[in-house]
Amino acid sequence: MTDDTKKSGSNVAPLRAPRPCPECGRPSHREHYPFCSDRCRNVDLNRWLSGSYAIPVADDEAKADDDER
C-alpha cells in the first residue's frame, strides 16, 4: 500500500453522528452505542429491569378505548 491509500482510508465517515452517553454524558463508543461503556449500558438495563423506567398507561381503560375510536 502506498501512503496515499492509507490516508484516504482514514477519511471514512462514521455511520452515526456522535452522541453523548445518556447515563454519564461522555462521548459514546461504537461498541456500546448509544452508551460510552459496558458499565453505563448495564446501569440502564438495571433501571429497566427494576422498574425505574416505565411506559405510561391510561388509568381508565374505558377512556383509552374511546380515544382510539
N, C-alpha and C. Protein backbone atom coordinates (compact mmCIF):
# COMPACT_ATOMS: atom_id res chain seq x y z
N MET A 1 0.84 -1.19 0.00
CA MET A 1 0.00 0.00 0.00
C MET A 1 0.87 1.24 0.00
N THR A 2 0.42 2.23 -0.67
CA THR A 2 1.16 3.48 -0.68
C THR A 2 0.63 4.38 0.41
N ASP A 3 1.31 5.45 0.65
CA ASP A 3 0.88 6.39 1.69
C ASP A 3 -0.45 7.05 1.33
N ASP A 4 -0.73 7.22 0.03
CA ASP A 4 -1.98 7.85 -0.39
C ASP A 4 -3.19 6.99 -0.03
N THR A 5 -3.10 5.68 -0.19
CA THR A 5 -4.25 4.82 0.13
C THR A 5 -4.47 4.73 1.63
N LYS A 6 -3.44 4.79 2.41
CA LYS A 6 -3.59 4.77 3.87
C LYS A 6 -4.30 6.03 4.35
N LYS A 7 -3.96 7.16 3.78
CA LYS A 7 -4.57 8.42 4.20
C LYS A 7 -6.04 8.48 3.80
N SER A 8 -6.39 8.00 2.61
CA SER A 8 -7.77 8.08 2.17
C SER A 8 -8.67 7.16 2.98
N GLY A 9 -8.16 6.05 3.50
CA GLY A 9 -8.95 5.13 4.30
C GLY A 9 -9.32 5.71 5.65
N SER A 10 -8.57 6.68 6.13
CA SER A 10 -8.86 7.27 7.44
C SER A 10 -9.95 8.34 7.36
N ASN A 11 -10.40 8.67 6.16
CA ASN A 11 -11.43 9.69 5.99
C ASN A 11 -12.82 9.09 5.85
N VAL A 12 -13.03 7.92 6.41
CA VAL A 12 -14.32 7.26 6.33
C VAL A 12 -15.28 7.96 7.29
N ALA A 13 -16.47 8.27 6.80
CA ALA A 13 -17.47 8.94 7.64
C ALA A 13 -18.08 7.94 8.62
N PRO A 14 -18.34 8.34 9.85
CA PRO A 14 -18.96 7.43 10.82
C PRO A 14 -20.39 7.09 10.41
N LEU A 15 -20.86 5.92 10.84
CA LEU A 15 -22.21 5.50 10.50
C LEU A 15 -23.28 6.33 11.21
N ARG A 16 -23.00 6.73 12.43
CA ARG A 16 -23.94 7.52 13.22
C ARG A 16 -23.25 8.78 13.71
N ALA A 17 -24.05 9.79 13.90
CA ALA A 17 -23.50 11.02 14.47
C ALA A 17 -23.13 10.77 15.92
N PRO A 18 -22.02 11.32 16.40
CA PRO A 18 -21.65 11.11 17.80
C PRO A 18 -22.68 11.74 18.73
N ARG A 19 -23.00 11.01 19.79
CA ARG A 19 -23.95 11.47 20.80
C ARG A 19 -23.34 11.26 22.17
N PRO A 20 -23.71 12.07 23.13
CA PRO A 20 -23.24 11.81 24.49
C PRO A 20 -23.97 10.61 25.09
N CYS A 21 -23.29 9.95 25.99
CA CYS A 21 -23.87 8.80 26.70
C CYS A 21 -25.07 9.29 27.51
N PRO A 22 -26.22 8.61 27.43
CA PRO A 22 -27.39 9.05 28.20
C PRO A 22 -27.22 8.91 29.72
N GLU A 23 -26.28 8.11 30.16
CA GLU A 23 -26.07 7.91 31.59
C GLU A 23 -25.11 8.93 32.20
N CYS A 24 -23.96 9.12 31.55
CA CYS A 24 -22.93 9.96 32.17
C CYS A 24 -22.53 11.19 31.35
N GLY A 25 -22.93 11.23 30.07
CA GLY A 25 -22.64 12.39 29.25
C GLY A 25 -21.32 12.33 28.49
N ARG A 26 -20.52 11.30 28.72
CA ARG A 26 -19.27 11.17 27.97
C ARG A 26 -19.58 10.76 26.53
N PRO A 27 -18.64 10.94 25.60
CA PRO A 27 -18.89 10.54 24.21
C PRO A 27 -19.16 9.04 24.09
N SER A 28 -20.13 8.66 23.27
CA SER A 28 -20.47 7.25 23.10
C SER A 28 -19.42 6.56 22.24
N HIS A 29 -19.35 5.23 22.37
CA HIS A 29 -18.42 4.43 21.59
C HIS A 29 -19.20 3.45 20.74
N ARG A 30 -18.66 3.13 19.60
CA ARG A 30 -19.33 2.25 18.64
C ARG A 30 -19.71 0.90 19.25
N GLU A 31 -18.86 0.33 20.08
CA GLU A 31 -19.10 -0.99 20.65
C GLU A 31 -20.29 -1.00 21.62
N HIS A 32 -20.57 0.14 22.26
CA HIS A 32 -21.60 0.21 23.30
C HIS A 32 -22.70 1.20 22.95
N TYR A 33 -22.81 1.61 21.70
CA TYR A 33 -23.72 2.67 21.29
C TYR A 33 -25.14 2.43 21.78
N PRO A 34 -25.83 3.39 22.35
CA PRO A 34 -25.50 4.79 22.50
C PRO A 34 -24.75 5.12 23.79
N PHE A 35 -24.26 4.11 24.47
CA PHE A 35 -23.55 4.32 25.74
C PHE A 35 -22.05 4.42 25.51
N CYS A 36 -21.32 4.85 26.54
CA CYS A 36 -19.87 5.00 26.42
C CYS A 36 -19.14 3.75 26.88
N SER A 37 -19.78 2.93 27.70
CA SER A 37 -19.10 1.75 28.23
C SER A 37 -20.13 0.68 28.58
N ASP A 38 -19.61 -0.49 28.87
CA ASP A 38 -20.47 -1.60 29.29
C ASP A 38 -21.11 -1.28 30.64
N ARG A 39 -20.43 -0.55 31.49
CA ARG A 39 -20.97 -0.19 32.79
C ARG A 39 -22.23 0.66 32.63
N CYS A 40 -22.17 1.69 31.79
CA CYS A 40 -23.34 2.55 31.59
C CYS A 40 -24.49 1.78 30.95
N ARG A 41 -24.16 0.86 30.05
CA ARG A 41 -25.19 0.03 29.43
C ARG A 41 -25.89 -0.83 30.50
N ASN A 42 -25.11 -1.40 31.42
CA ASN A 42 -25.68 -2.24 32.48
C ASN A 42 -26.48 -1.43 33.49
N VAL A 43 -26.06 -0.20 33.76
CA VAL A 43 -26.82 0.67 34.66
C VAL A 43 -28.20 0.93 34.07
N ASP A 44 -28.25 1.23 32.78
CA ASP A 44 -29.52 1.48 32.11
C ASP A 44 -30.40 0.23 32.10
N LEU A 45 -29.81 -0.92 31.81
CA LEU A 45 -30.55 -2.18 31.82
C LEU A 45 -31.13 -2.46 33.20
N ASN A 46 -30.35 -2.21 34.24
CA ASN A 46 -30.83 -2.42 35.61
C ASN A 46 -32.02 -1.53 35.92
N ARG A 47 -32.00 -0.31 35.43
CA ARG A 47 -33.13 0.60 35.67
C ARG A 47 -34.40 0.08 34.99
N TRP A 48 -34.27 -0.46 33.79
CA TRP A 48 -35.43 -1.03 33.11
C TRP A 48 -35.95 -2.25 33.87
N LEU A 49 -35.04 -3.13 34.28
CA LEU A 49 -35.45 -4.37 34.94
C LEU A 49 -36.01 -4.15 36.34
N SER A 50 -35.53 -3.12 37.03
CA SER A 50 -36.01 -2.85 38.38
C SER A 50 -37.30 -2.04 38.40
N GLY A 51 -37.73 -1.52 37.25
CA GLY A 51 -38.98 -0.77 37.17
C GLY A 51 -38.82 0.73 37.35
N SER A 52 -37.60 1.23 37.35
CA SER A 52 -37.40 2.67 37.46
C SER A 52 -37.94 3.39 36.23
N TYR A 53 -37.79 2.77 35.08
CA TYR A 53 -38.36 3.29 33.85
C TYR A 53 -39.69 2.60 33.63
N ALA A 54 -40.68 3.33 33.20
CA ALA A 54 -41.98 2.73 32.93
C ALA A 54 -42.63 3.45 31.76
N ILE A 55 -43.37 2.71 30.99
CA ILE A 55 -44.12 3.28 29.88
C ILE A 55 -45.48 3.68 30.45
N PRO A 56 -45.88 4.94 30.30
CA PRO A 56 -47.14 5.38 30.90
C PRO A 56 -48.34 4.70 30.24
N VAL A 57 -49.31 4.39 31.05
CA VAL A 57 -50.56 3.78 30.58
C VAL A 57 -51.73 4.60 31.11
N ALA A 58 -52.85 4.48 30.43
CA ALA A 58 -54.05 5.20 30.86
C ALA A 58 -54.62 4.52 32.10
N ASP A 59 -55.05 5.32 33.08
CA ASP A 59 -55.64 4.78 34.30
C ASP A 59 -57.01 4.18 34.03
N ASP A 60 -57.77 4.80 33.16
CA ASP A 60 -59.12 4.36 32.87
C ASP A 60 -59.13 3.64 31.52
N GLU A 61 -59.33 2.33 31.53
CA GLU A 61 -59.32 1.54 30.30
C GLU A 61 -60.44 1.98 29.35
N ALA A 62 -61.62 2.31 29.88
CA ALA A 62 -62.74 2.71 29.02
C ALA A 62 -62.41 4.01 28.30
N LYS A 63 -61.80 4.93 28.99
CA LYS A 63 -61.44 6.21 28.37
C LYS A 63 -60.41 5.99 27.26
N ALA A 64 -59.47 5.09 27.46
CA ALA A 64 -58.45 4.78 26.46
C ALA A 64 -59.09 4.17 25.22
N ASP A 65 -60.09 3.30 25.43
CA ASP A 65 -60.79 2.69 24.31
C ASP A 65 -61.58 3.72 23.51
N ASP A 66 -62.18 4.71 24.17
CA ASP A 66 -62.94 5.76 23.49
C ASP A 66 -62.03 6.65 22.65
N ASP A 67 -60.83 6.90 23.12
CA ASP A 67 -59.89 7.75 22.39
C ASP A 67 -59.42 7.09 21.10
N GLU A 68 -59.35 5.77 21.07
CA GLU A 68 -58.87 5.07 19.89
C GLU A 68 -59.90 5.07 18.78
N ARG A 69 -61.16 5.20 19.10
CA ARG A 69 -62.24 5.13 18.10
C ARG A 69 -62.45 6.41 17.44
